Protein backbone atom coordinates (compact mmCIF):
# COMPACT_ATOMS: atom_id res chain seq x y z
CA MET A 1 23.75 12.31 101.23
CA ARG A 2 26.62 13.70 103.16
CA LEU A 3 29.50 13.01 100.97
CA VAL A 4 27.59 14.87 98.71
CA CYS A 5 27.21 17.62 100.53
CA ILE A 6 31.21 17.69 100.91
CA LEU A 7 31.69 17.47 97.61
CA ILE A 8 29.52 20.61 96.17
CA SER A 9 31.11 22.58 98.83
CA LEU A 10 34.17 21.28 97.37
CA GLY A 11 33.29 22.50 93.71
CA PRO A 12 33.30 26.46 94.51
CA VAL A 13 37.39 25.55 95.69
CA LEU A 14 38.62 23.17 93.04
CA SER A 15 36.89 25.57 89.82
CA ALA A 16 39.32 28.30 91.68
CA GLN A 17 41.91 25.97 91.90
CA GLN A 18 41.41 24.84 88.05
CA ALA A 19 41.00 29.01 86.93
CA ALA A 20 44.73 29.80 88.33
CA PRO A 21 46.84 30.92 85.58
CA SER A 22 50.34 30.00 85.49
CA VAL A 23 52.99 32.74 85.50
CA ASP A 24 53.52 32.69 81.51
CA GLU A 25 49.99 33.57 81.35
CA ILE A 26 49.82 36.16 83.72
CA LEU A 27 53.09 37.54 82.22
CA ASP A 28 51.47 37.43 78.41
CA LYS A 29 48.59 39.29 79.88
CA TYR A 30 50.52 42.06 81.63
CA VAL A 31 52.74 42.41 78.03
CA GLN A 32 49.16 42.71 76.33
CA ALA A 33 47.57 45.42 78.48
CA LEU A 34 51.19 47.47 77.53
CA GLY A 35 50.30 47.23 74.16
CA GLY A 36 52.05 44.16 72.81
CA ARG A 37 55.20 42.49 72.94
CA THR A 38 56.36 43.77 68.82
CA GLU A 39 55.71 47.14 69.87
CA PHE A 40 57.60 47.24 72.76
CA GLU A 41 60.22 45.65 71.22
CA LYS A 42 60.65 49.11 69.09
CA VAL A 43 60.78 51.65 71.77
CA THR A 44 64.46 52.14 72.18
CA SER A 45 63.95 55.39 74.25
CA LEU A 46 62.04 56.97 76.81
CA ALA A 47 61.70 61.21 78.55
CA MET A 48 59.77 61.58 81.04
CA LYS A 49 58.55 64.97 82.80
CA GLY A 50 56.04 65.28 86.11
CA ALA A 51 55.56 66.62 89.48
CA ILE A 52 57.25 64.84 92.67
CA GLU A 53 56.07 65.47 96.26
CA PHE A 54 57.34 63.79 99.32
CA PRO A 55 54.55 64.36 101.91
CA ASP A 56 56.30 64.02 104.48
CA LEU A 57 59.21 65.83 104.16
CA ASN A 58 56.44 68.61 103.11
CA LEU A 59 58.93 69.16 99.82
CA LEU A 60 57.64 69.57 96.33
CA GLY A 61 59.90 69.31 92.88
CA THR A 62 59.90 68.26 89.91
CA THR A 63 60.74 65.21 87.68
CA ALA A 64 62.70 64.72 84.38
CA GLU A 65 63.54 60.74 83.53
CA TYR A 66 65.23 59.53 80.71
CA PHE A 67 66.29 55.87 79.40
CA LYS A 68 67.92 54.01 76.10
CA SER A 69 68.68 51.00 75.32
CA LEU A 70 71.69 49.13 76.69
CA LYS A 71 69.95 50.37 80.11
CA ARG A 72 71.04 53.51 80.13
CA MET A 73 68.71 55.82 82.89
CA ALA A 74 69.17 59.70 84.56
CA VAL A 75 66.10 60.62 86.87
CA ILE A 76 66.62 64.28 87.83
CA VAL A 77 64.88 65.40 91.11
CA GLU A 78 64.95 69.16 91.18
CA ILE A 79 63.37 69.28 94.64
CA ARG A 80 62.22 73.10 96.09
CA GLY A 81 64.38 74.99 99.01
CA TYR A 82 66.64 71.27 98.93
CA GLY A 83 68.02 70.76 95.37
CA THR A 84 68.99 69.17 92.53
CA VAL A 85 69.36 64.96 93.13
CA ARG A 86 70.31 62.58 90.47
CA THR A 87 69.88 58.79 90.14
CA VAL A 88 71.89 57.71 86.56
CA CYS A 89 72.88 54.41 84.95
CA ASP A 90 75.45 54.25 82.06
CA GLY A 91 74.97 50.87 81.33
CA THR A 92 77.26 48.85 83.90
CA GLU A 93 78.02 51.19 86.34
CA ALA A 94 74.98 53.23 88.63
CA TRP A 95 75.27 55.98 90.95
CA THR A 96 73.50 58.76 93.54
CA GLU A 97 73.83 62.56 93.59
CA ASN A 98 72.45 65.01 96.31
CA PRO A 99 73.46 68.28 97.96
CA GLN A 100 74.30 66.20 101.87
CA THR A 101 76.19 63.57 100.59
CA GLY A 102 77.31 63.75 96.86
CA VAL A 103 78.17 61.49 94.44
CA GLN A 104 77.92 58.14 96.06
CA LYS A 105 78.27 54.70 93.80
CA MET A 106 76.04 52.04 93.75
CA GLU A 107 77.30 48.20 94.19
CA GLY A 108 76.41 45.22 94.90
CA ALA A 109 72.40 43.44 95.36
CA GLU A 110 71.65 47.95 94.77
CA LEU A 111 73.29 47.97 91.64
CA SER A 112 72.44 44.70 90.27
CA ASP A 113 68.70 45.51 91.17
CA LEU A 114 69.17 48.84 88.95
CA LEU A 115 70.88 47.58 86.49
CA ARG A 116 67.48 45.15 86.02
CA ARG A 117 65.43 48.17 86.47
CA ALA A 118 66.81 50.44 83.97
CA ASP A 119 66.03 47.80 80.80
CA LEU A 120 63.64 49.17 79.24
CA GLN A 121 62.65 45.81 78.11
CA TRP A 122 62.42 45.08 81.85
CA HIS A 123 58.65 44.20 81.76
CA LEU A 124 58.87 41.86 78.99
CA LYS A 125 61.79 40.01 80.14
CA LEU A 126 60.91 39.14 84.07
CA LYS A 127 61.30 35.59 83.74
CA GLU A 128 64.62 36.02 82.27
CA TYR A 129 65.76 38.44 85.47
CA TYR A 130 63.70 36.64 87.72
CA PRO A 131 64.39 32.82 87.10
CA GLY A 132 61.92 31.98 90.55
CA LEU A 133 58.94 33.39 89.06
CA LYS A 134 56.20 31.25 91.00
CA ILE A 135 52.93 32.41 91.97
CA LYS A 136 52.04 33.21 95.31
CA ASP A 137 48.81 34.29 96.46
CA ARG A 138 45.44 36.02 94.82
CA GLU A 139 44.81 39.29 97.33
CA THR A 140 42.43 41.86 96.95
CA ILE A 141 44.55 44.92 97.40
CA ILE A 142 43.08 49.34 97.28
CA GLY A 143 39.65 47.60 95.82
CA GLN A 144 41.67 45.00 92.58
CA ASP A 145 41.63 41.70 92.95
CA VAL A 146 45.11 40.65 92.03
CA TRP A 147 47.11 37.74 91.80
CA VAL A 148 50.81 37.83 93.29
CA LEU A 149 54.13 36.21 92.02
CA GLU A 150 57.01 36.17 93.38
CA ALA A 151 61.16 36.12 92.98
CA ALA A 152 64.47 36.05 94.69
CA ALA A 153 67.88 37.99 93.17
CA ASP A 154 71.00 38.34 94.63
CA GLY A 155 68.97 38.76 98.34
CA LEU A 156 65.88 40.10 97.69
CA ARG A 157 62.60 39.69 97.58
CA HIS A 158 60.74 41.21 94.77
CA ARG A 159 56.58 40.57 94.24
CA TRP A 160 54.31 41.76 91.75
CA TYR A 161 51.13 42.61 92.15
CA PHE A 162 48.99 41.83 88.58
CA ASN A 163 45.42 43.29 88.13
CA VAL A 164 43.35 39.50 87.64
CA GLY A 165 41.01 41.61 84.75
CA ASN A 166 43.04 43.95 83.10
CA GLY A 167 46.16 42.13 83.31
CA GLN A 168 48.04 45.62 84.71
CA LEU A 169 50.36 45.62 87.01
CA ILE A 170 49.45 48.18 89.67
CA ARG A 171 52.25 47.29 92.62
CA PHE A 172 55.84 46.32 93.03
CA ASP A 173 57.57 45.11 96.25
CA THR A 174 61.02 45.00 97.38
CA ASP A 175 62.00 43.01 100.45
CA ASN A 176 65.65 43.67 101.52
CA ALA A 177 66.27 40.80 104.06
CA GLU A 178 69.51 42.30 105.30
CA ASP A 179 68.23 45.68 105.85
CA ALA A 180 64.90 45.95 106.60
CA GLY A 181 65.50 49.55 106.38
CA LYS A 182 65.55 49.36 102.15
CA SER A 183 62.53 47.36 102.04
CA SER A 184 60.01 49.28 99.51
CA SER A 185 56.37 49.08 97.95
CA ILE A 186 55.71 51.47 94.20
CA LEU A 187 51.88 51.63 93.83
CA ILE A 188 51.54 52.37 89.98
CA SER A 189 48.02 53.78 88.32
CA ASP A 190 46.58 56.12 85.21
CA TYR A 191 47.84 54.25 82.09
CA ARG A 192 47.24 55.87 79.23
CA PRO A 193 48.52 55.29 75.51
CA ALA A 194 52.57 56.68 74.99
CA GLY A 195 53.13 56.24 71.54
CA ASN A 196 51.85 53.00 70.81
CA VAL A 197 52.57 51.57 73.97
CA GLN A 198 50.63 51.71 77.39
CA PHE A 199 52.30 53.84 80.66
CA ALA A 200 51.40 54.37 83.68
CA TYR A 201 51.30 57.85 84.80
CA ALA A 202 51.50 58.42 88.05
CA ALA A 203 52.93 55.94 91.10
CA SER A 204 53.47 56.85 95.28
CA PHE A 205 56.95 54.65 96.52
CA THR A 206 57.14 54.00 100.21
CA SER A 207 60.00 52.07 102.25
CA PRO A 208 60.22 52.85 106.31
CA LYS A 209 62.76 56.27 105.37
CA LEU A 210 60.92 58.05 102.32
CA LYS A 211 57.70 58.70 100.67
CA TRP A 212 56.62 60.13 97.53
CA ILE A 213 53.96 60.54 95.10
CA ARG A 214 54.87 61.28 91.47
CA LYS A 215 52.84 61.88 88.73
CA LEU A 216 53.85 62.74 85.12
CA SER A 217 52.84 65.30 82.57
CA GLU A 218 54.24 63.69 79.97
CA VAL A 219 56.03 60.39 77.97
CA ARG A 220 57.85 60.57 75.17
CA VAL A 221 58.66 57.51 73.06
CA ASN A 222 61.78 56.88 70.74
CA VAL A 223 62.88 60.26 70.88
CA PRO A 224 66.19 61.23 70.84
CA VAL A 225 68.17 61.50 74.25
CA ASP A 226 71.79 62.95 74.81
CA ASP A 227 74.54 60.79 75.91
CA GLU A 228 75.67 62.93 77.64
CA LEU A 229 72.77 62.30 80.42
CA PHE A 230 74.30 59.65 81.37
CA ALA A 231 78.07 60.48 81.17
CA LYS A 232 79.42 60.12 84.99
CA ARG A 233 80.51 62.85 86.55
CA GLU A 234 83.74 64.15 87.64
CA ALA A 235 83.51 62.47 91.05
CA MET A 236 83.21 59.25 89.59
CA LYS A 237 85.79 59.54 86.55
CA ALA A 238 89.06 57.51 87.98
CA PRO A 239 92.08 59.39 88.24
CA ALA A 240 94.33 60.27 85.43
CA ALA A 241 97.37 57.80 85.12
CA HIS A 242 100.38 60.02 86.61
């Protein structure tokens, strides 16, 4: 009788283990939640606008973000009382610019990470970009049941939190083993249609050094995006040969 009771108690545990999906199944569900692979592969450009807040600094601003095929990206944030902050990737190099530090070139793991995220098809290429991707756990965060996937790349450990029910990505964490000050977490929400795909209109970023909350008001898909947005600033250009 005791053995029967033990086997009965193990039933829910074994069922949960058997019910655990594979990494491919979790990622496929995520892609479907975005509108499907076929539709997302048609996206060649994105143009977004919205409002951004830095609550710890009591600062408000606007954001304009542009993505284009071949890993080109430009994020331009206008902060009231501070100035313009830019993060740009031209597909090969990337840099930031702000009123305090001027233009700073990205290198190493920071550059590699941004080049991956600048890819419009990043959502479809998670296994390609993070070949060690594995299921880490099943958790509850912000009231949602999620599968947690984990992978390491260029010295950074990444974790993705996918809603078990609808497949949506609701959080993305990056841990920097060499500099804890650069570790970060992004909460993602408010998915809405943008063209024939779904896009998250709300995001909040938290790290030991910075926190921001962004709410998009406009997301346009496959619109003309000026290549000049991704051009090197004067301070980035190599000096002319003499």
